[in-house]
C-alpha cells in the first residue's frame, strides 16, 4: 500500500493511496459528495486489488486533502479534473473508473470530456447528466423531471442545519444517515458503519462533517450529446433499494450512455455494506477484465 499527495494547484492538495500489482491495469475509485476515499470499504478495495492496481483518493474538502472551499471556491466539474490530476500524478495513461453517487456523476464527466483516459467506466448510485427522457417498453417517454425523487426521509435528515455534535454525536448522525442510505431490502449493521466512520474521522483528523460539495457550483454538467455517442465501455449498477436515485434511474442511465449495459445487485441501496461486496466486486471485475481481455486481442482498437 502506497500513499501520496497530489498537488493540483497552489491551493489544492489531494491525498491518494495505491494498492495492488503495478503490472495490472489501473482502477480508479471515485467516492461521493463529502466522502473521503476511505468511504470505499477496505475489504472491497482489497478484493478489487486482487486483479487491478487500485487507486482511491480524498476529494477536496474531505479526509486529508485540502479543506479550502471557503477561501478558494470551486465548481463540481473541477472535481472531475482532480481525478485526471490523480491519474497524471501516478503516471496512469488510461484507467478503469468506478464512481459512486457524486463520483458516478464525475465518472460521466470523464466519459464525456476525457474518453481517451478511460479503459472502462462503472457508474452506481447516480443520476444521468442528460436531459433525454426515459423510453419505456410500451413506447412512452418519461421526462427526467418525472423520474422518482429522493426518499423524503433523507431529505428531512439533510434539511437539519449543520452543527458540531461532538465526536460520538457525529458518529450517531453518520450511522443514521447510512441506515437510510442502506435501503430497506437487507439488514443494516450499525456497528459496521460506526467502525467505518470512526476510521474515516481518524484518517481526516477531524470529526466535522464535510458540507462544501453541496455549496459548490453545479452548473455546466449536462453531457447529453457526449454520452449519447461515447465508445467507453460502461457498466451501470442497478440498486433496487436505492433511496437517492431509485429505479428506473439506472435504466435511464443505461439508455443515455451509448452502449452501456446494466447489472442488478440484489438488495443494494446507496450504501456499500459488507454483505454486498462479493456480488458488487464480481460485477465490476467481470466488466473490467472483459474490457482488458478485449483490448489485448490482436487488432483490437484498430
C-alpha atoms as a PDB file:
ATOM      1  CA  UNK A   1       0.000   0.000   0.000  1.00  0.00           C
ATOM      2  CA  UNK A   2       1.441   3.351  -1.055  1.00  0.00           C
ATOM      3  CA  UNK A   3       0.181   6.824  -0.076  1.00  0.00           C
ATOM      4  CA  UNK A   4       0.942  10.019  -1.959  1.00  0.00           C
ATOM      5  CA  UNK A   5      -0.209  13.638  -2.020  1.00  0.00           C
ATOM      6  CA  UNK A   6      -1.133  15.119  -5.408  1.00  0.00           C
ATOM      7  CA  UNK A   7      -0.601  18.871  -5.822  1.00  0.00           C
ATOM      8  CA  UNK A   8      -3.395  20.014  -8.152  1.00  0.00           C
ATOM      9  CA  UNK A   9      -2.632  23.743  -7.875  1.00  0.00           C
ATOM     10  CA  UNK A  10      -1.110  26.065  -5.250  1.00  0.00           C
ATOM     11  CA  UNK A  11      -4.241  25.809  -3.051  1.00  0.00           C
ATOM     12  CA  UNK A  12      -5.315  22.176  -3.529  1.00  0.00           C
ATOM     13  CA  UNK A  13      -3.515  19.024  -2.458  1.00  0.00           C
ATOM     14  CA  UNK A  14      -5.191  15.608  -2.645  1.00  0.00           C
ATOM     15  CA  UNK A  15      -4.411  12.526  -0.581  1.00  0.00           C
ATOM     16  CA  UNK A  16      -4.254   9.301  -2.600  1.00  0.00           C
ATOM     17  CA  UNK A  17      -3.486   5.653  -1.958  1.00  0.00           C
ATOM     18  CA  UNK A  18      -2.453   2.808  -4.269  1.00  0.00           C
ATOM     19  CA  UNK A  19      -2.591  -0.934  -3.678  1.00  0.00           C
ATOM     20  CA  UNK A  20      -2.296  -3.971  -5.920  1.00  0.00           C
ATOM     21  CA  UNK A  21       0.154  -5.236  -8.526  1.00  0.00           C
ATOM     22  CA  UNK A  22       1.579  -2.389 -10.650  1.00  0.00           C
ATOM     23  CA  UNK A  23       1.625  -4.765 -13.634  1.00  0.00           C
ATOM     24  CA  UNK A  24      -2.188  -4.952 -13.588  1.00  0.00           C
ATOM     25  CA  UNK A  25      -4.438  -2.388 -15.242  1.00  0.00           C
ATOM     26  CA  UNK A  26      -5.334   0.563 -13.031  1.00  0.00           C
ATOM     27  CA  UNK A  27      -8.768   1.052 -11.459  1.00  0.00           C
ATOM     28  CA  UNK A  28      -9.600   4.476 -10.012  1.00  0.00           C
ATOM     29  CA  UNK A  29     -12.303   4.675  -7.330  1.00  0.00           C
ATOM     30  CA  UNK A  30     -14.228   7.975  -7.051  1.00  0.00           C
ATOM     31  CA  UNK A  31     -16.403   8.476  -3.968  1.00  0.00           C
ATOM     32  CA  UNK A  32     -19.495  10.618  -3.482  1.00  0.00           C
ATOM     33  CA  UNK A  33     -20.183  14.129  -2.191  1.00  0.00           C
ATOM     34  CA  UNK A  34     -18.488  14.977   1.081  1.00  0.00           C
ATOM     35  CA  UNK A  35     -16.985  11.478   1.202  1.00  0.00           C
ATOM     36  CA  UNK A  36     -13.378  10.558   1.834  1.00  0.00           C
ATOM     37  CA  UNK A  37     -11.717   7.873  -0.263  1.00  0.00           C
ATOM     38  CA  UNK A  38     -11.986   5.699   2.831  1.00  0.00           C
ATOM     39  CA  UNK A  39     -15.710   5.571   2.101  1.00  0.00           C
ATOM     40  CA  UNK A  40     -14.670   2.665  -0.122  1.00  0.00           C
ATOM     41  CA  UNK A  41     -14.551  -0.154   2.478  1.00  0.00           C
ATOM     42  CA  UNK A  42     -11.195  -1.855   2.992  1.00  0.00           C
ATOM     43  CA  UNK A  43     -12.481  -5.324   2.123  1.00  0.00           C
ATOM     44  CA  UNK A  44     -13.983  -4.102  -1.131  1.00  0.00           C
ATOM     45  CA  UNK A  45     -10.778  -2.312  -2.155  1.00  0.00           C
ATOM     46  CA  UNK A  46      -8.690  -5.378  -1.290  1.00  0.00           C
ATOM     47  CA  UNK A  47     -10.954  -7.601  -3.391  1.00  0.00           C
ATOM     48  CA  UNK A  48     -10.594  -5.315  -6.416  1.00  0.00           C
ATOM     49  CA  UNK A  49      -6.828  -5.097  -5.867  1.00  0.00           C
ATOM     50  CA  UNK A  50      -6.504  -8.848  -6.437  1.00  0.00           C
ATOM     51  CA  UNK A  51      -6.908  -8.121 -10.158  1.00  0.00           C
ATOM     52  CA  UNK A  52      -6.128  -4.400 -10.511  1.00  0.00           C
ATOM     53  CA  UNK A  53      -3.790  -1.692  -9.347  1.00  0.00           C
ATOM     54  CA  UNK A  54      -6.382   0.259  -7.341  1.00  0.00           C
ATOM     55  CA  UNK A  55      -6.195   3.990  -6.589  1.00  0.00           C
ATOM     56  CA  UNK A  56      -8.540   5.812  -4.247  1.00  0.00           C
ATOM     57  CA  UNK A  57      -8.273   9.403  -3.094  1.00  0.00           C
ATOM     58  CA  UNK A  58      -9.849  12.083  -0.929  1.00  0.00           C
ATOM     59  CA  UNK A  59     -11.849  14.754  -2.731  1.00  0.00           C
ATOM     60  CA  UNK A  60     -11.119  18.370  -1.901  1.00  0.00           C
ATOM     61  CA  UNK A  61     -12.581  19.262   1.498  1.00  0.00           C
ATOM     62  CA  UNK A  62     -12.588  15.658   2.701  1.00  0.00           C
ATOM     63  CA  UNK A  63     -10.151  13.444   4.554  1.00  0.00           C
ATOM     64  CA  UNK A  64      -6.508  14.505   4.354  1.00  0.00           C
ATOM     65  CA  UNK A  65      -6.935  16.601   1.224  1.00  0.00           C
ATOM     66  CA  UNK A  66      -7.046  20.420   1.302  1.00  0.00           C
ATOM     67  CA  UNK A  67     -10.075  21.943   3.003  1.00  0.00           C
ATOM     68  CA  UNK A  68     -10.037  25.189   1.075  1.00  0.00           C
ATOM     69  CA  UNK A  69     -13.506  25.899  -0.325  1.00  0.00           C
ATOM     70  CA  UNK A  70     -14.171  28.922   1.897  1.00  0.00           C
ATOM     71  CA  UNK A  71     -11.084  30.722   0.585  1.00  0.00           C
ATOM     72  CA  UNK A  72     -10.885  29.156  -2.876  1.00  0.00           C
ATOM     73  CA  UNK A  73     -14.377  28.055  -4.040  1.00  0.00           C
ATOM     74  CA  UNK A  74     -14.621  25.649  -6.953  1.00  0.00           C
ATOM     75  CA  UNK A  75     -17.130  24.034  -9.283  1.00  0.00           C
ATOM     76  CA  UNK A  76     -18.235  20.403  -9.232  1.00  0.00           C
ATOM     77  CA  UNK A  77     -16.691  19.960 -12.682  1.00  0.00           C
ATOM     78  CA  UNK A  78     -13.353  20.827 -11.083  1.00  0.00           C
ATOM     79  CA  UNK A  79     -13.654  17.637  -9.050  1.00  0.00           C
ATOM     80  CA  UNK A  80     -13.638  15.677 -12.311  1.00  0.00           C
ATOM     81  CA  UNK A  81     -10.424  17.461 -13.295  1.00  0.00           C
ATOM     82  CA  UNK A  82      -8.996  16.373  -9.948  1.00  0.00           C
ATOM     83  CA  UNK A  83      -9.470  12.739 -10.981  1.00  0.00           C
ATOM     84  CA  UNK A  84      -7.354  13.347 -14.076  1.00  0.00           C
ATOM     85  CA  UNK A  85      -4.720  15.044 -11.892  1.00  0.00           C
ATOM     86  CA  UNK A  86      -4.588  11.921  -9.710  1.00  0.00           C
ATOM     87  CA  UNK A  87      -4.068   9.700 -12.761  1.00  0.00           C
ATOM     88  CA  UNK A  88      -1.344  12.027 -14.050  1.00  0.00           C
ATOM     89  CA  UNK A  89       0.448  12.035 -10.693  1.00  0.00           C
ATOM     90  CA  UNK A  90       0.504   8.241 -10.678  1.00  0.00           C
ATOM     91  CA  UNK A  91       1.682   8.059 -14.318  1.00  0.00           C
ATOM     92  CA  UNK A  92      -1.527   6.377 -15.470  1.00  0.00           C
ATOM     93  CA  UNK A  93      -2.368   6.906 -19.127  1.00  0.00           C
ATOM     94  CA  UNK A  94      -5.707   5.054 -19.035  1.00  0.00           C
ATOM     95  CA  UNK A  95      -7.728   3.539 -16.206  1.00  0.00           C
ATOM     96  CA  UNK A  96     -10.950   1.795 -15.358  1.00  0.00           C
ATOM     97  CA  UNK A  97     -13.110   4.310 -13.449  1.00  0.00           C
ATOM     98  CA  UNK A  98     -15.639   3.274 -10.805  1.00  0.00           C
ATOM     99  CA  UNK A  99     -17.787   6.108  -9.462  1.00  0.00           C
ATOM    100  CA  UNK A 100     -20.357   6.075  -6.684  1.00  0.00           C
ATOM    101  CA  UNK A 101     -23.019   8.754  -6.100  1.00  0.00           C
ATOM    102  CA  UNK A 102     -21.435  12.127  -6.982  1.00  0.00           C
ATOM    103  CA  UNK A 103     -18.490  10.005  -8.082  1.00  0.00           C
ATOM    104  CA  UNK A 104     -20.827   8.416 -10.624  1.00  0.00           C
ATOM    105  CA  UNK A 105     -21.618  11.858 -11.992  1.00  0.00           C
ATOM    106  CA  UNK A 106     -17.931  12.739 -12.125  1.00  0.00           C
ATOM    107  CA  UNK A 107     -17.386   9.471 -13.985  1.00  0.00           C
ATOM    108  CA  UNK A 108     -19.908  10.610 -16.580  1.00  0.00           C
ATOM    109  CA  UNK A 109     -17.993  13.876 -16.960  1.00  0.00           C
ATOM    110  CA  UNK A 110     -14.832  11.848 -17.561  1.00  0.00           C
ATOM    111  CA  UNK A 111     -16.615   9.635 -20.100  1.00  0.00           C
ATOM    112  CA  UNK A 112     -17.738  12.752 -21.951  1.00  0.00           C
ATOM    113  CA  UNK A 113     -14.694  15.005 -21.605  1.00  0.00           C
ATOM    114  CA  UNK A 114     -11.727  12.623 -21.326  1.00  0.00           C
ATOM    115  CA  UNK A 115     -12.684   9.350 -23.059  1.00  0.00           C
ATOM    116  CA  UNK A 116      -9.067   8.802 -24.106  1.00  0.00           C
ATOM    117  CA  UNK A 117      -8.138   8.351 -20.418  1.00  0.00           C
ATOM    118  CA  UNK A 118     -10.708   5.627 -19.716  1.00  0.00           C
ATOM    119  CA  UNK A 119     -10.416   1.887 -20.258  1.00  0.00           C
ATOM    120  CA  UNK A 120     -13.957   1.454 -18.936  1.00  0.00           C
ATOM    121  CA  UNK A 121     -16.472   3.099 -16.614  1.00  0.00           C
ATOM    122  CA  UNK A 122     -18.743   1.769 -13.882  1.00  0.00           C
ATOM    123  CA  UNK A 123     -21.470   4.047 -12.507  1.00  0.00           C
ATOM    124  CA  UNK A 124     -23.596   3.424  -9.428  1.00  0.00           C
ATOM    125  CA  UNK A 125     -25.933   5.458  -7.250  1.00  0.00           C
ATOM    126  CA  UNK A 126     -26.031   8.397  -9.675  1.00  0.00           C
ATOM    127  CA  UNK A 127     -28.419  10.229 -11.937  1.00  0.00           C
ATOM    128  CA  UNK A 128     -27.722  10.781 -15.610  1.00  0.00           C
ATOM    129  CA  UNK A 129     -26.093  14.001 -16.802  1.00  0.00           C
ATOM    130  CA  UNK A 130     -28.593  14.113 -19.624  1.00  0.00           C
ATOM    131  CA  UNK A 131     -31.969  15.642 -20.338  1.00  0.00           C
ATOM    132  CA  UNK A 132     -33.031  12.763 -22.602  1.00  0.00           C
ATOM    133  CA  UNK A 133     -36.364  11.275 -21.461  1.00  0.00           C
ATOM    134  CA  UNK A 134     -36.562   7.663 -20.314  1.00  0.00           C
ATOM    135  CA  UNK A 135     -38.054   5.440 -23.040  1.00  0.00           C
ATOM    136  CA  UNK A 136     -40.455   2.799 -21.733  1.00  0.00           C
ATOM    137  CA  UNK A 137     -41.053  -0.639 -23.300  1.00  0.00           C
ATOM    138  CA  UNK A 138     -44.576   0.446 -24.249  1.00  0.00           C
ATOM    139  CA  UNK A 139     -43.154   3.296 -26.335  1.00  0.00           C
ATOM    140  CA  UNK A 140     -43.985   6.039 -23.826  1.00  0.00           C
ATOM    141  CA  UNK A 141     -41.347   8.506 -22.666  1.00  0.00           C
ATOM    142  CA  UNK A 142     -40.870   9.827 -19.131  1.00  0.00           C
ATOM    143  CA  UNK A 143     -39.243  13.271 -18.771  1.00  0.00           C
ATOM    144  CA  UNK A 144     -36.248  13.379 -16.466  1.00  0.00           C
ATOM    145  CA  UNK A 145     -38.047  15.654 -14.014  1.00  0.00           C
ATOM    146  CA  UNK A 146     -40.727  12.966 -13.555  1.00  0.00           C
ATOM    147  CA  UNK A 147     -38.306  10.214 -12.535  1.00  0.00           C
ATOM    148  CA  UNK A 148     -38.658   9.135  -8.874  1.00  0.00           C
ATOM    149  CA  UNK A 149     -37.398  11.662  -6.307  1.00  0.00           C
ATOM    150  CA  UNK A 150     -35.071  11.189  -3.343  1.00  0.00           C
ATOM    151  CA  UNK A 151     -36.524   9.345  -0.340  1.00  0.00           C
ATOM    152  CA  UNK A 152     -38.227  12.028   1.808  1.00  0.00           C
ATOM    153  CA  UNK A 153     -36.627  10.572   4.945  1.00  0.00           C
ATOM    154  CA  UNK A 154     -33.226  11.511   3.549  1.00  0.00           C
ATOM    155  CA  UNK A 155     -34.403  14.962   2.542  1.00  0.00           C
ATOM    156  CA  UNK A 156     -35.624  15.513   6.110  1.00  0.00           C
ATOM    157  CA  UNK A 157     -32.251  14.452   7.527  1.00  0.00           C
ATOM    158  CA  UNK A 158     -30.367  16.651   5.059  1.00  0.00           C
ATOM    159  CA  UNK A 159     -32.557  19.645   5.950  1.00  0.00           C
ATOM    160  CA  UNK A 160     -31.231  19.750   9.509  1.00  0.00           C
ATOM    161  CA  UNK A 161     -28.783  22.630   9.959  1.00  0.00           C
ATOM    162  CA  UNK A 162     -25.154  21.626  10.402  1.00  0.00           C
ATOM    163  CA  UNK A 163     -23.936  21.652  13.986  1.00  0.00           C
ATOM    164  CA  UNK A 164     -20.957  20.448  15.972  1.00  0.00           C
ATOM    165  CA  UNK A 165     -22.361  17.361  17.688  1.00  0.00           C
ATOM    166  CA  UNK A 166     -19.073  16.235  19.219  1.00  0.00           C
ATOM    167  CA  UNK A 167     -17.341  13.029  18.149  1.00  0.00           C
ATOM    168  CA  UNK A 168     -19.860  10.478  19.408  1.00  0.00           C
ATOM    169  CA  UNK A 169     -22.829  12.595  18.355  1.00  0.00           C
ATOM    170  CA  UNK A 170     -21.345  12.969  14.891  1.00  0.00           C
ATOM    171  CA  UNK A 171     -20.856   9.199  14.685  1.00  0.00           C
ATOM    172  CA  UNK A 172     -24.503   8.674  15.714  1.00  0.00           C
ATOM    173  CA  UNK A 173     -25.626  11.079  12.996  1.00  0.00           C
ATOM    174  CA  UNK A 174     -23.497   9.412  10.311  1.00  0.00           C
ATOM    175  CA  UNK A 175     -24.713   5.939  11.262  1.00  0.00           C
ATOM    176  CA  UNK A 176     -28.329   7.090  10.995  1.00  0.00           C
ATOM    177  CA  UNK A 177     -27.508   8.569   7.596  1.00  0.00           C
ATOM    178  CA  UNK A 178     -26.086   5.220   6.445  1.00  0.00           C
ATOM    179  CA  UNK A 179     -29.161   3.429   7.799  1.00  0.00           C
ATOM    180  CA  UNK A 180     -31.368   5.441   5.472  1.00  0.00           C
ATOM    181  CA  UNK A 181     -28.910   5.113   2.575  1.00  0.00           C
ATOM    182  CA  UNK A 182     -28.779   1.348   3.063  1.00  0.00           C
ATOM    183  CA  UNK A 183     -32.374   0.980   1.928  1.00  0.00           C
ATOM    184  CA  UNK A 184     -34.927  -1.472   3.244  1.00  0.00           C
ATOM    185  CA  UNK A 185     -34.014  -4.692   1.447  1.00  0.00           C
ATOM    186  CA  UNK A 186     -31.139  -6.076   3.531  1.00  0.00           C
ATOM    187  CA  UNK A 187     -30.411  -5.869   7.274  1.00  0.00           C
ATOM    188  CA  UNK A 188     -28.409  -2.868   8.438  1.00  0.00           C
ATOM    189  CA  UNK A 189     -25.475  -3.378  10.815  1.00  0.00           C
ATOM    190  CA  UNK A 190     -24.903  -0.100  12.694  1.00  0.00           C
ATOM    191  CA  UNK A 191     -21.575  -1.259  14.159  1.00  0.00           C
ATOM    192  CA  UNK A 192     -20.171  -1.937  10.672  1.00  0.00           C
ATOM    193  CA  UNK A 193     -20.815   1.653   9.651  1.00  0.00           C
ATOM    194  CA  UNK A 194     -19.800   3.127  13.001  1.00  0.00           C
ATOM    195  CA  UNK A 195     -16.434   1.404  12.589  1.00  0.00           C
ATOM    196  CA  UNK A 196     -16.190   2.704   9.014  1.00  0.00           C
ATOM    197  CA  UNK A 197     -16.940   6.279  10.036  1.00  0.00           C
ATOM    198  CA  UNK A 198     -14.614   6.160  13.036  1.00  0.00           C
ATOM    199  CA  UNK A 199     -11.800   5.147  10.675  1.00  0.00           C
ATOM    200  CA  UNK A 200     -12.730   7.991   8.296  1.00  0.00           C
ATOM    201  CA  UNK A 201     -12.668  10.520  11.153  1.00  0.00           C
ATOM    202  CA  UNK A 202      -9.323   9.229  12.419  1.00  0.00           C
ATOM    203  CA  UNK A 203      -7.950   9.432   8.861  1.00  0.00           C
ATOM    204  CA  UNK A 204      -9.112  13.058   8.481  1.00  0.00           C
ATOM    205  CA  UNK A 205      -8.046  14.092  11.966  1.00  0.00           C
ATOM    206  CA  UNK A 206     -11.318  15.984  12.404  1.00  0.00           C
ATOM    207  CA  UNK A 207     -14.929  14.994  13.034  1.00  0.00           C
ATOM    208  CA  UNK A 208     -16.878  17.874  11.499  1.00  0.00           C
ATOM    209  CA  UNK A 209     -18.961  16.809   8.521  1.00  0.00           C
ATOM    210  CA  UNK A 210     -17.708  17.917   5.071  1.00  0.00           C
ATOM    211  CA  UNK A 211     -20.531  20.050   3.623  1.00  0.00           C
ATOM    212  CA  UNK A 212     -18.841  22.089   0.904  1.00  0.00           C
ATOM    213  CA  UNK A 213     -19.706  19.959  -2.130  1.00  0.00           C
ATOM    214  CA  UNK A 214     -23.342  20.894  -1.677  1.00  0.00           C
ATOM    215  CA  UNK A 215     -22.342  24.565  -1.834  1.00  0.00           C
ATOM    216  CA  UNK A 216     -20.154  24.228  -4.925  1.00  0.00           C
ATOM    217  CA  UNK A 217     -21.321  25.467  -8.336  1.00  0.00           C
ATOM    218  CA  UNK A 218     -23.198  22.600 -10.053  1.00  0.00           C
ATOM    219  CA  UNK A 219     -23.633  24.354 -13.404  1.00  0.00           C
ATOM    220  CA  UNK A 220     -22.293  23.139 -16.731  1.00  0.00           C
ATOM    221  CA  UNK A 221     -22.731  19.423 -16.068  1.00  0.00           C
ATOM    222  CA  UNK A 222     -25.120  18.394 -18.841  1.00  0.00           C
ATOM    223  CA  UNK A 223     -23.406  15.965 -21.228  1.00  0.00           C
ATOM    224  CA  UNK A 224     -26.373  14.653 -23.227  1.00  0.00           C
ATOM    225  CA  UNK A 225     -24.715  14.667 -26.638  1.00  0.00           C
ATOM    226  CA  UNK A 226     -21.324  13.398 -25.491  1.00  0.00           C
ATOM    227  CA  UNK A 227     -22.788  10.483 -23.526  1.00  0.00           C
ATOM    228  CA  UNK A 228     -25.005   9.533 -26.464  1.00  0.00           C
ATOM    229  CA  UNK A 229     -22.027   8.973 -28.741  1.00  0.00           C
ATOM    230  CA  UNK A 230     -19.346   7.669 -26.372  1.00  0.00           C
ATOM    231  CA  UNK A 231     -17.395   4.494 -27.083  1.00  0.00           C
ATOM    232  CA  UNK A 232     -16.237   3.994 -23.482  1.00  0.00           C
ATOM    233  CA  UNK A 233     -17.427   0.554 -22.267  1.00  0.00           C
ATOM    234  CA  UNK A 234     -19.803   1.429 -19.446  1.00  0.00           C
ATOM    235  CA  UNK A 235     -21.483  -0.646 -16.751  1.00  0.00           C
ATOM    236  CA  UNK A 236     -24.425   0.721 -14.770  1.00  0.00           C
ATOM    237  CA  UNK A 237     -25.065  -0.912 -11.404  1.00  0.00           C
ATOM    238  CA  UNK A 238     -28.774  -1.143 -10.629  1.00  0.00           C
ATOM    239  CA  UNK A 239     -29.530  -0.975  -6.900  1.00  0.00           C
ATOM    240  CA  UNK A 240     -33.183  -1.960  -6.322  1.00  0.00           C
ATOM    241  CA  UNK A 241     -33.258  -0.429  -2.811  1.00  0.00           C
ATOM    242  CA  UNK A 242     -31.543   2.820  -3.887  1.00  0.00           C
ATOM    243  CA  UNK A 243     -33.126   5.767  -1.991  1.00  0.00           C
ATOM    244  CA  UNK A 244     -31.304   8.645  -3.750  1.00  0.00           C
ATOM    245  CA  UNK A 245     -31.681   7.681  -7.424  1.00  0.00           C
ATOM    246  CA  UNK A 246     -34.209   4.828  -7.249  1.00  0.00           C
ATOM    247  CA  UNK A 247     -35.167   2.713 -10.240  1.00  0.00           C
ATOM    248  CA  UNK A 248     -35.781   3.448 -13.034  1.00  0.00           C
ATOM    249  CA  UNK A 249     -32.850   5.919 -12.783  1.00  0.00           C
ATOM    250  CA  UNK A 250     -30.375   3.107 -13.622  1.00  0.00           C
ATOM    251  CA  UNK A 251     -32.407   2.223 -16.716  1.00  0.00           C
ATOM    252  CA  UNK A 252     -32.317   5.888 -17.709  1.00  0.00           C
ATOM    253  CA  UNK A 253     -28.528   5.965 -17.288  1.00  0.00           C
ATOM    254  CA  UNK A 254     -28.192   2.846 -19.386  1.00  0.00           C
ATOM    255  CA  UNK A 255     -30.203   4.429 -22.171  1.00  0.00           C
ATOM    256  CA  UNK A 256     -28.396   7.770 -22.288  1.00  0.00           C
ATOM    257  CA  UNK A 257     -24.842   6.327 -22.267  1.00  0.00           C
ATOM    258  CA  UNK A 258     -24.176   4.754 -25.649  1.00  0.00           C
ATOM    259  CA  UNK A 259     -23.534   1.019 -25.446  1.00  0.00           C
ATOM    260  CA  UNK A 260     -23.965   0.875 -21.670  1.00  0.00           C
ATOM    261  CA  UNK A 261     -25.226  -2.297 -20.029  1.00  0.00           C
ATOM    262  CA  UNK A 262     -26.874  -2.733 -16.643  1.00  0.00           C
ATOM    263  CA  UNK A 263     -26.371  -5.322 -13.905  1.00  0.00           C
ATOM    264  CA  UNK A 264     -28.560  -5.508 -10.816  1.00  0.00           C
ATOM    265  CA  UNK A 265     -27.020  -6.201  -7.414  1.00  0.00           C
ATOM    266  CA  UNK A 266     -29.951  -7.645  -5.402  1.00  0.00           C
ATOM    267  CA  UNK A 267     -30.709  -5.833  -2.162  1.00  0.00           C
ATOM    268  CA  UNK A 268     -28.332  -2.957  -2.842  1.00  0.00           C
ATOM    269  CA  UNK A 269     -29.204   0.577  -1.770  1.00  0.00           C
ATOM    270  CA  UNK A 270     -26.900   3.598  -1.716  1.00  0.00           C
ATOM    271  CA  UNK A 271     -24.567   2.116   0.901  1.00  0.00           C
ATOM    272  CA  UNK A 272     -21.772  -0.427   0.442  1.00  0.00           C
ATOM    273  CA  UNK A 273     -22.318  -2.929   3.276  1.00  0.00           C
ATOM    274  CA  UNK A 274     -20.104  -5.981   3.645  1.00  0.00           C
ATOM    275  CA  UNK A 275     -22.974  -8.279   2.625  1.00  0.00           C
ATOM    276  CA  UNK A 276     -22.908  -6.810  -0.908  1.00  0.00           C
ATOM    277  CA  UNK A 277     -19.158  -6.718  -1.521  1.00  0.00           C
ATOM    278  CA  UNK A 278     -18.938 -10.119  -3.226  1.00  0.00           C
ATOM    279  CA  UNK A 279     -21.658  -9.561  -5.873  1.00  0.00           C
ATOM    280  CA  UNK A 280     -20.601  -5.958  -6.435  1.00  0.00           C
ATOM    281  CA  UNK A 281     -16.934  -6.880  -6.909  1.00  0.00           C
ATOM    282  CA  UNK A 282     -17.948  -9.736  -9.208  1.00  0.00           C
ATOM    283  CA  UNK A 283     -19.970  -7.364 -11.404  1.00  0.00           C
ATOM    284  CA  UNK A 284     -17.183  -4.779 -11.567  1.00  0.00           C
ATOM    285  CA  UNK A 285     -14.422  -7.301 -12.291  1.00  0.00           C
ATOM    286  CA  UNK A 286     -16.472  -9.057 -14.948  1.00  0.00           C
ATOM    287  CA  UNK A 287     -16.770  -5.700 -16.699  1.00  0.00           C
ATOM    288  CA  UNK A 288     -13.172  -4.531 -16.283  1.00  0.00           C
ATOM    289  CA  UNK A 289     -11.483  -7.840 -17.025  1.00  0.00           C
ATOM    290  CA  UNK A 290     -13.669  -8.438 -20.078  1.00  0.00           C
ATOM    291  CA  UNK A 291     -12.659  -4.987 -21.307  1.00  0.00           C
ATOM    292  CA  UNK A 292      -8.993  -5.763 -20.645  1.00  0.00           C
ATOM    293  CA  UNK A 293      -9.252  -9.085 -22.488  1.00  0.00           C
ATOM    294  CA  UNK A 294     -10.888  -7.422 -25.491  1.00  0.00           C
ATOM    295  CA  UNK A 295      -8.192  -4.728 -25.604  1.00  0.00           C
ATOM    296  CA  UNK A 296      -5.490  -7.413 -25.562  1.00  0.00           C
ATOM    297  CA  UNK A 297      -6.830  -9.195 -28.643  1.00  0.00           C
ATOM    298  CA  UNK A 298      -4.790  -8.764 -31.818  1.00  0.00           C
ATOM    299  CA  UNK A 299      -6.156  -5.882 -33.859  1.00  0.00           C
ATOM    300  CA  UNK A 300      -8.354  -4.528 -31.056  1.00  0.00           C
ATOM    301  CA  UNK A 301      -8.912  -0.773 -31.353  1.00  0.00           C
ATOM    302  CA  UNK A 302      -7.618  -0.628 -34.901  1.00  0.00           C
END
